[in-house]
Amino acid sequence: MRARLIDGRARAARLRAEIASEVAALAAATGTVPGLVVILLGEDPASRVHAAAKIRATEAAGMR
């Protein structure tokens, strides 16, 4: 069996573009814009960084 190299960055970029397109279509058709809510428990700095990255990703996709 041959190994197959998977370009994760390219796949992720395609997936983000697809999701952004679907969000735009949903917003245009229904006026509904999906969003993300993050609830952090505790003071773990790594959790804050992770949550901030997820929020930036949703904003880039046109979500709230």
PDB file of N, CA and C in Angstrom:
ATOM      1  N   MET A   1       0.848  -1.164   0.000  1.00  0.00           N
ATOM      2  CA  MET A   1       0.000   0.000   0.000  1.00  0.00           C
ATOM      3  C   MET A   1       0.902   1.237   0.000  1.00  0.00           C
ATOM      4  N   ARG A   2       0.614   2.174  -0.859  1.00  0.00           N
ATOM      5  CA  ARG A   2       1.395   3.406  -0.934  1.00  0.00           C
ATOM      6  C   ARG A   2       0.827   4.436   0.032  1.00  0.00           C
ATOM      7  N   ALA A   3       1.717   5.192   0.590  1.00  0.00           N
ATOM      8  CA  ALA A   3       1.300   6.284   1.468  1.00  0.00           C
ATOM      9  C   ALA A   3       0.734   7.413   0.617  1.00  0.00           C
ATOM     10  N   ARG A   4      -0.233   8.078   1.150  1.00  0.00           N
ATOM     11  CA  ARG A   4      -0.845   9.200   0.444  1.00  0.00           C
ATOM     12  C   ARG A   4      -0.716  10.440   1.308  1.00  0.00           C
ATOM     13  N   LEU A   5      -0.065  11.435   0.754  1.00  0.00           N
ATOM     14  CA  LEU A   5       0.133  12.682   1.476  1.00  0.00           C
ATOM     15  C   LEU A   5      -1.140  13.523   1.403  1.00  0.00           C
ATOM     16  N   ILE A   6      -1.596  13.968   2.542  1.00  0.00           N
ATOM     17  CA  ILE A   6      -2.797  14.798   2.610  1.00  0.00           C
ATOM     18  C   ILE A   6      -2.371  16.202   3.016  1.00  0.00           C
ATOM     19  N   ASP A   7      -2.725  17.182   2.210  1.00  0.00           N
ATOM     20  CA  ASP A   7      -2.405  18.574   2.510  1.00  0.00           C
ATOM     21  C   ASP A   7      -3.517  19.142   3.389  1.00  0.00           C
ATOM     22  N   GLY A   8      -3.292  19.097   4.681  1.00  0.00           N
ATOM     23  CA  GLY A   8      -4.317  19.528   5.632  1.00  0.00           C
ATOM     24  C   GLY A   8      -4.659  21.004   5.530  1.00  0.00           C
ATOM     25  N   ARG A   9      -3.660  21.841   5.256  1.00  0.00           N
ATOM     26  CA  ARG A   9      -3.923  23.283   5.143  1.00  0.00           C
ATOM     27  C   ARG A   9      -4.809  23.583   3.934  1.00  0.00           C
ATOM     28  N   ALA A  10      -4.535  22.932   2.823  1.00  0.00           N
ATOM     29  CA  ALA A  10      -5.349  23.149   1.618  1.00  0.00           C
ATOM     30  C   ALA A  10      -6.764  22.631   1.830  1.00  0.00           C
ATOM     31  N   ARG A  11      -6.894  21.481   2.465  1.00  0.00           N
ATOM     32  CA  ARG A  11      -8.218  20.911   2.729  1.00  0.00           C
ATOM     33  C   ARG A  11      -9.009  21.818   3.665  1.00  0.00           C
ATOM     34  N   ALA A  12      -8.345  22.331   4.697  1.00  0.00           N
ATOM     35  CA  ALA A  12      -9.007  23.223   5.646  1.00  0.00           C
ATOM     36  C   ALA A  12      -9.454  24.509   4.955  1.00  0.00           C
ATOM     37  N   ALA A  13      -8.624  25.040   4.062  1.00  0.00           N
ATOM     38  CA  ALA A  13      -8.981  26.265   3.340  1.00  0.00           C
ATOM     39  C   ALA A  13     -10.205  26.030   2.463  1.00  0.00           C
ATOM     40  N   ARG A  14     -10.249  24.880   1.787  1.00  0.00           N
ATOM     41  CA  ARG A  14     -11.423  24.561   0.954  1.00  0.00           C
ATOM     42  C   ARG A  14     -12.671  24.418   1.813  1.00  0.00           C
ATOM     43  N   LEU A  15     -12.541  23.761   2.952  1.00  0.00           N
ATOM     44  CA  LEU A  15     -13.682  23.569   3.845  1.00  0.00           C
ATOM     45  C   LEU A  15     -14.173  24.910   4.395  1.00  0.00           C
ATOM     46  N   ARG A  16     -13.247  25.791   4.796  1.00  0.00           N
ATOM     47  CA  ARG A  16     -13.655  27.117   5.287  1.00  0.00           C
ATOM     48  C   ARG A  16     -14.380  27.917   4.216  1.00  0.00           C
ATOM     49  N   ALA A  17     -13.890  27.848   2.979  1.00  0.00           N
ATOM     50  CA  ALA A  17     -14.533  28.568   1.880  1.00  0.00           C
ATOM     51  C   ALA A  17     -15.940  28.014   1.625  1.00  0.00           C
ATOM     52  N   GLU A  18     -16.076  26.710   1.696  1.00  0.00           N
ATOM     53  CA  GLU A  18     -17.382  26.080   1.493  1.00  0.00           C
ATOM     54  C   GLU A  18     -18.365  26.505   2.587  1.00  0.00           C
ATOM     55  N   ILE A  19     -17.899  26.515   3.822  1.00  0.00           N
ATOM     56  CA  ILE A  19     -18.761  26.909   4.940  1.00  0.00           C
ATOM     57  C   ILE A  19     -19.145  28.380   4.826  1.00  0.00           C
ATOM     58  N   ALA A  20     -18.197  29.236   4.464  1.00  0.00           N
ATOM     59  CA  ALA A  20     -18.494  30.662   4.302  1.00  0.00           C
ATOM     60  C   ALA A  20     -19.553  30.869   3.225  1.00  0.00           C
ATOM     61  N   SER A  21     -19.463  30.104   2.147  1.00  0.00           N
ATOM     62  CA  SER A  21     -20.447  30.200   1.068  1.00  0.00           C
ATOM     63  C   SER A  21     -21.829  29.764   1.562  1.00  0.00           C
ATOM     64  N   GLU A  22     -21.867  28.684   2.330  1.00  0.00           N
ATOM     65  CA  GLU A  22     -23.145  28.200   2.861  1.00  0.00           C
ATOM     66  C   GLU A  22     -23.736  29.183   3.869  1.00  0.00           C
ATOM     67  N   VAL A  23     -22.901  29.810   4.674  1.00  0.00           N
ATOM     68  CA  VAL A  23     -23.374  30.810   5.632  1.00  0.00           C
ATOM     69  C   VAL A  23     -23.970  31.996   4.885  1.00  0.00           C
ATOM     70  N   ALA A  24     -23.289  32.442   3.839  1.00  0.00           N
ATOM     71  CA  ALA A  24     -23.789  33.571   3.047  1.00  0.00           C
ATOM     72  C   ALA A  24     -25.120  33.227   2.395  1.00  0.00           C
ATOM     73  N   ALA A  25     -25.245  32.010   1.877  1.00  0.00           N
ATOM     74  CA  ALA A  25     -26.501  31.584   1.246  1.00  0.00           C
ATOM     75  C   ALA A  25     -27.627  31.521   2.267  1.00  0.00           C
ATOM     76  N   LEU A  26     -27.345  30.995   3.442  1.00  0.00           N
ATOM     77  CA  LEU A  26     -28.355  30.925   4.497  1.00  0.00           C
ATOM     78  C   LEU A  26     -28.796  32.324   4.910  1.00  0.00           C
ATOM     79  N   ALA A  27     -27.838  33.220   5.078  1.00  0.00           N
ATOM     80  CA  ALA A  27     -28.164  34.590   5.475  1.00  0.00           C
ATOM     81  C   ALA A  27     -28.998  35.282   4.417  1.00  0.00           C
ATOM     82  N   ALA A  28     -28.662  35.072   3.140  1.00  0.00           N
ATOM     83  CA  ALA A  28     -29.417  35.704   2.061  1.00  0.00           C
ATOM     84  C   ALA A  28     -30.827  35.138   1.960  1.00  0.00           C
ATOM     85  N   ALA A  29     -30.974  33.838   2.177  1.00  0.00           N
ATOM     86  CA  ALA A  29     -32.280  33.192   2.015  1.00  0.00           C
ATOM     87  C   ALA A  29     -33.201  33.408   3.203  1.00  0.00           C
ATOM     88  N   THR A  30     -32.651  33.433   4.407  1.00  0.00           N
ATOM     89  CA  THR A  30     -33.506  33.459   5.594  1.00  0.00           C
ATOM     90  C   THR A  30     -33.261  34.636   6.523  1.00  0.00           C
ATOM     91  N   GLY A  31     -32.146  35.324   6.336  1.00  0.00           N
ATOM     92  CA  GLY A  31     -31.793  36.392   7.253  1.00  0.00           C
ATOM     93  C   GLY A  31     -31.168  35.871   8.539  1.00  0.00           C
ATOM     94  N   THR A  32     -31.011  34.565   8.631  1.00  0.00           N
ATOM     95  CA  THR A  32     -30.431  33.939   9.805  1.00  0.00           C
ATOM     96  C   THR A  32     -28.930  33.770   9.611  1.00  0.00           C
ATOM     97  N   VAL A  33     -28.165  34.244  10.569  1.00  0.00           N
ATOM     98  CA  VAL A  33     -26.711  34.082  10.519  1.00  0.00           C
ATOM     99  C   VAL A  33     -26.301  33.212  11.705  1.00  0.00           C
ATOM    100  N   PRO A  34     -25.729  32.040  11.440  1.00  0.00           N
ATOM    101  CA  PRO A  34     -25.314  31.192  12.553  1.00  0.00           C
ATOM    102  C   PRO A  34     -24.175  31.843  13.333  1.00  0.00           C
ATOM    103  N   GLY A  35     -24.006  31.413  14.543  1.00  0.00           N
ATOM    104  CA  GLY A  35     -22.965  31.993  15.377  1.00  0.00           C
ATOM    105  C   GLY A  35     -22.333  30.959  16.282  1.00  0.00           C
ATOM    106  N   LEU A  36     -21.420  31.422  17.088  1.00  0.00           N
ATOM    107  CA  LEU A  36     -20.715  30.557  18.021  1.00  0.00           C
ATOM    108  C   LEU A  36     -20.730  31.227  19.384  1.00  0.00           C
ATOM    109  N   VAL A  37     -21.041  30.453  20.398  1.00  0.00           N
ATOM    110  CA  VAL A  37     -20.981  30.924  21.772  1.00  0.00           C
ATOM    111  C   VAL A  37     -19.943  30.081  22.484  1.00  0.00           C
ATOM    112  N   VAL A  38     -19.053  30.751  23.202  1.00  0.00           N
ATOM    113  CA  VAL A  38     -18.014  30.050  23.945  1.00  0.00           C
ATOM    114  C   VAL A  38     -18.200  30.365  25.419  1.00  0.00           C
ATOM    115  N   ILE A  39     -18.244  29.320  26.215  1.00  0.00           N
ATOM    116  CA  ILE A  39     -18.343  29.477  27.659  1.00  0.00           C
ATOM    117  C   ILE A  39     -17.079  28.882  28.256  1.00  0.00           C
ATOM    118  N   LEU A  40     -16.294  29.718  28.892  1.00  0.00           N
ATOM    119  CA  LEU A  40     -15.057  29.267  29.517  1.00  0.00           C
ATOM    120  C   LEU A  40     -15.274  29.112  31.013  1.00  0.00           C
ATOM    121  N   LEU A  41     -14.825  27.998  31.534  1.00  0.00           N
ATOM    122  CA  LEU A  41     -14.874  27.764  32.969  1.00  0.00           C
ATOM    123  C   LEU A  41     -13.447  27.726  33.470  1.00  0.00           C
ATOM    124  N   GLY A  42     -13.139  28.539  34.420  1.00  0.00           N
ATOM    125  CA  GLY A  42     -11.783  28.564  34.950  1.00  0.00           C
ATOM    126  C   GLY A  42     -10.936  29.620  34.255  1.00  0.00           C
ATOM    127  N   GLU A  43      -9.662  29.572  34.543  1.00  0.00           N
ATOM    128  CA  GLU A  43      -8.733  30.603  34.066  1.00  0.00           C
ATOM    129  C   GLU A  43      -7.580  30.020  33.252  1.00  0.00           C
ATOM    130  N   ASP A  44      -7.795  28.932  32.558  1.00  0.00           N
ATOM    131  CA  ASP A  44      -6.723  28.300  31.788  1.00  0.00           C
ATOM    132  C   ASP A  44      -6.372  29.163  30.579  1.00  0.00           C
ATOM    133  N   PRO A  45      -5.164  29.705  30.500  1.00  0.00           N
ATOM    134  CA  PRO A  45      -4.775  30.562  29.376  1.00  0.00           C
ATOM    135  C   PRO A  45      -4.850  29.846  28.024  1.00  0.00           C
ATOM    136  N   ALA A  46      -4.539  28.567  27.994  1.00  0.00           N
ATOM    137  CA  ALA A  46      -4.601  27.818  26.740  1.00  0.00           C
ATOM    138  C   ALA A  46      -6.038  27.735  26.232  1.00  0.00           C
ATOM    139  N   SER A  47      -6.987  27.605  27.139  1.00  0.00           N
ATOM    140  CA  SER A  47      -8.399  27.565  26.741  1.00  0.00           C
ATOM    141  C   SER A  47      -8.832  28.897  26.142  1.00  0.00           C
ATOM    142  N   ARG A  48      -8.335  29.989  26.707  1.00  0.00           N
ATOM    143  CA  ARG A  48      -8.661  31.316  26.178  1.00  0.00           C
ATOM    144  C   ARG A  48      -8.109  31.496  24.763  1.00  0.00           C
ATOM    145  N   VAL A  49      -6.891  31.028  24.545  1.00  0.00           N
ATOM    146  CA  VAL A  49      -6.281  31.122  23.210  1.00  0.00           C
ATOM    147  C   VAL A  49      -7.074  30.290  22.214  1.00  0.00           C
ATOM    148  N   HIS A  50      -7.440  29.074  22.604  1.00  0.00           N
ATOM    149  CA  HIS A  50      -8.209  28.192  21.729  1.00  0.00           C
ATOM    150  C   HIS A  50      -9.571  28.813  21.398  1.00  0.00           C
ATOM    151  N   ALA A  51     -10.250  29.337  22.397  1.00  0.00           N
ATOM    152  CA  ALA A  51     -11.555  29.953  22.179  1.00  0.00           C
ATOM    153  C   ALA A  51     -11.434  31.171  21.259  1.00  0.00           C
ATOM    154  N   ALA A  52     -10.415  31.982  21.452  1.00  0.00           N
ATOM    155  CA  ALA A  52     -10.222  33.159  20.604  1.00  0.00           C
ATOM    156  C   ALA A  52      -9.974  32.754  19.157  1.00  0.00           C
ATOM    157  N   ALA A  53      -9.244  31.678  18.952  1.00  0.00           N
ATOM    158  CA  ALA A  53      -8.997  31.195  17.584  1.00  0.00           C
ATOM    159  C   ALA A  53     -10.290  30.734  16.931  1.00  0.00           C
ATOM    160  N   LYS A  54     -11.138  30.070  17.673  1.00  0.00           N
ATOM    161  CA  LYS A  54     -12.425  29.614  17.126  1.00  0.00           C
ATOM    162  C   LYS A  54     -13.325  30.806  16.786  1.00  0.00           C
ATOM    163  N   ILE A  55     -13.309  31.814  17.627  1.00  0.00           N
ATOM    164  CA  ILE A  55     -14.106  33.008  17.368  1.00  0.00           C
ATOM    165  C   ILE A  55     -13.620  33.711  16.110  1.00  0.00           C
ATOM    166  N   ARG A  56     -12.300  33.857  15.950  1.00  0.00           N
ATOM    167  CA  ARG A  56     -11.747  34.472  14.736  1.00  0.00           C
ATOM    168  C   ARG A  56     -12.146  33.678  13.502  1.00  0.00           C
ATOM    169  N   ALA A  57     -12.131  32.364  13.605  1.00  0.00           N
ATOM    170  CA  ALA A  57     -12.489  31.510  12.465  1.00  0.00           C
ATOM    171  C   ALA A  57     -13.945  31.702  12.066  1.00  0.00           C
ATOM    172  N   THR A  58     -14.841  31.824  13.041  1.00  0.00           N
ATOM    173  CA  THR A  58     -16.245  32.018  12.705  1.00  0.00           C
ATOM    174  C   THR A  58     -16.480  33.400  12.105  1.00  0.00           C
ATOM    175  N   GLU A  59     -15.758  34.403  12.591  1.00  0.00           N
ATOM    176  CA  GLU A  59     -15.893  35.745  12.026  1.00  0.00           C
ATOM    177  C   GLU A  59     -15.397  35.769  10.589  1.00  0.00           C
ATOM    178  N   ALA A  60     -14.323  35.038  10.300  1.00  0.00           N
ATOM    179  CA  ALA A  60     -13.787  34.988   8.939  1.00  0.00           C
ATOM    180  C   ALA A  60     -14.771  34.295   7.993  1.00  0.00           C
ATOM    181  N   ALA A  61     -15.597  33.401   8.531  1.00  0.00           N
ATOM    182  CA  ALA A  61     -16.572  32.692   7.704  1.00  0.00           C
ATOM    183  C   ALA A  61     -17.863  33.489   7.556  1.00  0.00           C
ATOM    184  N   GLY A  62     -17.917  34.680   8.156  1.00  0.00           N
ATOM    185  CA  GLY A  62     -19.108  35.505   8.041  1.00  0.00           C
ATOM    186  C   GLY A  62     -20.145  35.226   9.107  1.00  0.00           C
ATOM    187  N   MET A  63     -19.761  34.466  10.103  1.00  0.00           N
ATOM    188  CA  MET A  63     -20.682  34.149  11.198  1.00  0.00           C
ATOM    189  C   MET A  63     -20.487  35.176  12.308  1.00  0.00           C
ATOM    190  N   ARG A  64     -21.360  35.151  13.283  1.00  0.00           N
ATOM    191  CA  ARG A  64     -21.267  36.073  14.428  1.00  0.00           C
ATOM    192  C   ARG A  64     -20.723  35.373  15.632  1.00  0.00           C
TER     193      ARG A  64
END
